[in-house]
């Protein structure tokens, strides 16, 4: 028997009373944008090197910002 005192295993469906707070989607979009930007930067700068390569370790904020601004996706 699995105990679930906080409802972590509850499924959210059409009949659920769950309502997402208005700003949660903005946070989710920001996290996805950062993840995609870092992934693309790693692909471009590290050429298959596993982990943090020397070239990526020495980038500045402007270069990272360029990758973040290049991210394009539909948040849902």
N, C-alpha and C. Protein backbone atom coordinates (compact mmCIF):
# COMPACT_ATOMS: atom_id res chain seq x y z
N UNK A 1 0.83 -1.18 0.00
CA UNK A 1 0.00 0.00 0.00
C UNK A 1 0.88 1.25 0.00
N UNK A 2 0.61 2.19 -0.89
CA UNK A 2 1.38 3.43 -0.99
C UNK A 2 0.61 4.54 -0.29
N UNK A 3 1.27 5.16 0.67
CA UNK A 3 0.66 6.31 1.36
C UNK A 3 0.99 7.57 0.59
N UNK A 4 0.05 8.44 0.43
CA UNK A 4 0.24 9.68 -0.33
C UNK A 4 -0.41 10.84 0.44
N UNK A 5 0.23 11.27 1.53
CA UNK A 5 -0.40 12.28 2.38
C UNK A 5 -0.57 13.66 1.75
N UNK A 6 0.22 13.98 0.74
CA UNK A 6 0.11 15.32 0.14
C UNK A 6 -0.49 15.31 -1.26
N UNK A 7 -0.91 14.19 -1.72
CA UNK A 7 -1.56 14.13 -3.03
C UNK A 7 -0.59 14.13 -4.20
N UNK A 8 0.66 13.73 -3.97
CA UNK A 8 1.66 13.76 -5.04
C UNK A 8 1.35 12.78 -6.16
N UNK A 9 0.60 11.73 -5.86
CA UNK A 9 0.28 10.72 -6.88
C UNK A 9 -1.04 10.99 -7.58
N UNK A 10 -1.71 12.04 -7.19
CA UNK A 10 -3.00 12.37 -7.79
C UNK A 10 -2.82 12.79 -9.24
N UNK A 11 -3.67 12.30 -10.11
CA UNK A 11 -3.63 12.64 -11.53
C UNK A 11 -4.48 13.88 -11.78
N UNK A 12 -3.98 14.76 -12.63
CA UNK A 12 -4.72 15.96 -12.99
C UNK A 12 -5.37 15.71 -14.34
N UNK A 13 -6.68 15.75 -14.38
CA UNK A 13 -7.41 15.50 -15.61
C UNK A 13 -8.50 16.52 -15.81
N UNK A 14 -9.35 16.26 -16.76
CA UNK A 14 -10.44 17.19 -17.08
C UNK A 14 -11.40 17.39 -15.91
N UNK A 15 -11.61 16.34 -15.14
CA UNK A 15 -12.55 16.42 -14.03
C UNK A 15 -11.90 16.90 -12.73
N UNK A 16 -10.62 17.21 -12.78
CA UNK A 16 -9.90 17.64 -11.59
C UNK A 16 -10.26 19.07 -11.22
N UNK A 17 -10.15 19.37 -9.94
CA UNK A 17 -10.40 20.74 -9.49
C UNK A 17 -9.12 21.57 -9.46
N UNK A 18 -8.00 20.98 -9.95
CA UNK A 18 -6.72 21.68 -9.95
C UNK A 18 -6.78 22.90 -10.85
N UNK A 19 -6.23 24.00 -10.34
CA UNK A 19 -6.12 25.23 -11.13
C UNK A 19 -4.70 25.74 -10.99
N UNK A 20 -4.00 25.88 -12.10
CA UNK A 20 -2.62 26.34 -12.07
C UNK A 20 -2.59 27.84 -11.82
N UNK A 21 -1.68 28.25 -10.93
CA UNK A 21 -1.51 29.67 -10.66
C UNK A 21 -1.04 30.36 -11.94
N UNK A 22 -1.47 31.58 -12.15
CA UNK A 22 -1.24 32.30 -13.39
C UNK A 22 0.20 32.44 -13.85
N UNK A 23 1.13 32.58 -12.94
CA UNK A 23 2.52 32.86 -13.32
C UNK A 23 3.38 31.61 -13.46
N UNK A 24 2.84 30.45 -13.14
CA UNK A 24 3.61 29.21 -13.22
C UNK A 24 4.10 28.97 -14.65
N UNK A 25 3.28 29.24 -15.64
CA UNK A 25 3.67 28.99 -17.03
C UNK A 25 4.88 29.84 -17.44
N UNK A 26 4.98 31.06 -16.91
CA UNK A 26 6.13 31.91 -17.22
C UNK A 26 7.42 31.30 -16.67
N UNK A 27 7.34 30.74 -15.48
CA UNK A 27 8.50 30.09 -14.87
C UNK A 27 8.88 28.85 -15.68
N UNK A 28 7.90 28.07 -16.06
CA UNK A 28 8.18 26.88 -16.87
C UNK A 28 8.82 27.26 -18.20
N UNK A 29 8.31 28.29 -18.86
CA UNK A 29 8.88 28.74 -20.13
C UNK A 29 10.32 29.21 -19.94
N UNK A 30 10.59 29.91 -18.85
CA UNK A 30 11.95 30.40 -18.59
C UNK A 30 12.92 29.24 -18.38
N UNK A 31 12.49 28.23 -17.64
CA UNK A 31 13.35 27.07 -17.40
C UNK A 31 13.62 26.33 -18.71
N UNK A 32 12.58 26.13 -19.52
CA UNK A 32 12.77 25.47 -20.82
C UNK A 32 13.68 26.30 -21.73
N UNK A 33 13.52 27.61 -21.74
CA UNK A 33 14.36 28.47 -22.59
C UNK A 33 15.82 28.35 -22.18
N UNK A 34 16.09 28.38 -20.88
CA UNK A 34 17.46 28.28 -20.40
C UNK A 34 18.04 26.91 -20.73
N UNK A 35 17.26 25.85 -20.55
CA UNK A 35 17.74 24.50 -20.85
C UNK A 35 18.06 24.35 -22.34
N UNK A 36 17.18 24.84 -23.20
CA UNK A 36 17.43 24.76 -24.64
C UNK A 36 18.65 25.59 -25.03
N UNK A 37 18.79 26.77 -24.46
CA UNK A 37 19.93 27.63 -24.77
C UNK A 37 21.24 26.96 -24.36
N UNK A 38 21.29 26.42 -23.17
CA UNK A 38 22.51 25.74 -22.71
C UNK A 38 22.81 24.50 -23.54
N UNK A 39 21.78 23.78 -23.93
CA UNK A 39 21.98 22.59 -24.77
C UNK A 39 22.58 22.98 -26.13
N UNK A 40 22.01 24.00 -26.75
CA UNK A 40 22.52 24.44 -28.06
C UNK A 40 23.93 25.02 -27.95
N UNK A 41 24.17 25.76 -26.88
CA UNK A 41 25.51 26.31 -26.68
C UNK A 41 26.52 25.18 -26.52
N UNK A 42 26.17 24.18 -25.74
CA UNK A 42 27.07 23.04 -25.54
C UNK A 42 27.32 22.32 -26.86
N UNK A 43 26.27 22.13 -27.64
CA UNK A 43 26.41 21.47 -28.94
C UNK A 43 27.35 22.27 -29.85
N UNK A 44 27.18 23.59 -29.88
CA UNK A 44 27.98 24.44 -30.77
C UNK A 44 29.43 24.59 -30.32
N UNK A 45 29.65 24.69 -29.03
CA UNK A 45 30.99 25.00 -28.53
C UNK A 45 31.80 23.78 -28.12
N UNK A 46 31.15 22.70 -27.76
CA UNK A 46 31.87 21.56 -27.18
C UNK A 46 32.01 20.37 -28.13
N UNK A 47 31.31 20.37 -29.25
CA UNK A 47 31.47 19.35 -30.29
C UNK A 47 31.47 17.92 -29.75
N UNK A 48 30.49 17.56 -28.95
CA UNK A 48 30.38 16.20 -28.44
C UNK A 48 31.19 15.93 -27.18
N UNK A 49 31.91 16.90 -26.69
CA UNK A 49 32.66 16.76 -25.44
C UNK A 49 31.66 16.55 -24.30
N UNK A 50 31.82 15.52 -23.49
CA UNK A 50 30.86 15.31 -22.39
C UNK A 50 31.12 16.29 -21.25
N UNK A 51 30.08 16.84 -20.71
CA UNK A 51 30.24 17.77 -19.59
C UNK A 51 30.63 19.16 -20.06
N UNK A 52 31.15 19.93 -19.14
CA UNK A 52 31.51 21.32 -19.42
C UNK A 52 32.88 21.37 -20.08
N UNK A 53 32.93 21.81 -21.33
CA UNK A 53 34.20 21.90 -22.03
C UNK A 53 34.87 23.24 -21.71
N UNK A 54 36.18 23.35 -21.92
CA UNK A 54 36.90 24.59 -21.61
C UNK A 54 36.33 25.81 -22.34
N UNK A 55 35.92 25.64 -23.58
CA UNK A 55 35.40 26.79 -24.33
C UNK A 55 34.11 27.32 -23.72
N UNK A 56 33.23 26.43 -23.30
CA UNK A 56 31.97 26.85 -22.70
C UNK A 56 32.18 27.42 -21.30
N UNK A 57 33.17 26.94 -20.60
CA UNK A 57 33.45 27.41 -19.24
C UNK A 57 33.89 28.87 -19.22
N UNK A 58 34.41 29.35 -20.32
CA UNK A 58 34.94 30.71 -20.34
C UNK A 58 34.06 31.71 -21.09
N UNK A 59 32.82 31.37 -21.39
CA UNK A 59 31.95 32.29 -22.12
C UNK A 59 31.50 33.43 -21.20
N UNK A 60 31.08 34.52 -21.82
CA UNK A 60 30.57 35.63 -21.02
C UNK A 60 29.04 35.67 -21.13
N UNK A 61 28.43 36.52 -20.34
CA UNK A 61 26.98 36.62 -20.30
C UNK A 61 26.36 37.04 -21.62
N UNK A 62 27.06 37.85 -22.39
CA UNK A 62 26.52 38.31 -23.68
C UNK A 62 26.34 37.15 -24.64
N UNK A 63 27.29 36.24 -24.65
CA UNK A 63 27.19 35.09 -25.54
C UNK A 63 26.03 34.18 -25.12
N UNK A 64 25.89 33.95 -23.82
CA UNK A 64 24.78 33.15 -23.32
C UNK A 64 23.45 33.82 -23.64
N UNK A 65 23.39 35.13 -23.47
CA UNK A 65 22.16 35.87 -23.77
C UNK A 65 21.76 35.69 -25.24
N UNK A 66 22.74 35.67 -26.13
CA UNK A 66 22.45 35.43 -27.54
C UNK A 66 21.77 34.09 -27.77
N UNK A 67 22.26 33.07 -27.08
CA UNK A 67 21.64 31.74 -27.19
C UNK A 67 20.24 31.74 -26.60
N UNK A 68 20.05 32.42 -25.48
CA UNK A 68 18.72 32.47 -24.86
C UNK A 68 17.74 33.17 -25.79
N UNK A 69 18.16 34.27 -26.39
CA UNK A 69 17.27 35.01 -27.29
C UNK A 69 16.95 34.25 -28.57
N UNK A 70 17.79 33.31 -28.93
CA UNK A 70 17.56 32.52 -30.15
C UNK A 70 16.58 31.37 -29.93
N UNK A 71 16.24 31.10 -28.68
CA UNK A 71 15.31 30.00 -28.38
C UNK A 71 13.92 30.40 -28.84
N UNK A 72 13.25 29.46 -29.50
CA UNK A 72 11.90 29.70 -29.98
C UNK A 72 11.10 28.42 -29.78
N UNK A 73 10.04 28.49 -29.01
CA UNK A 73 9.19 27.33 -28.79
C UNK A 73 7.80 27.80 -28.39
N UNK A 74 6.85 26.90 -28.46
CA UNK A 74 5.48 27.20 -28.04
C UNK A 74 5.26 26.59 -26.67
N UNK A 75 5.16 27.41 -25.66
CA UNK A 75 4.87 26.91 -24.32
C UNK A 75 3.40 26.55 -24.22
N UNK A 76 3.12 25.41 -23.63
CA UNK A 76 1.72 24.98 -23.47
C UNK A 76 1.49 24.52 -22.07
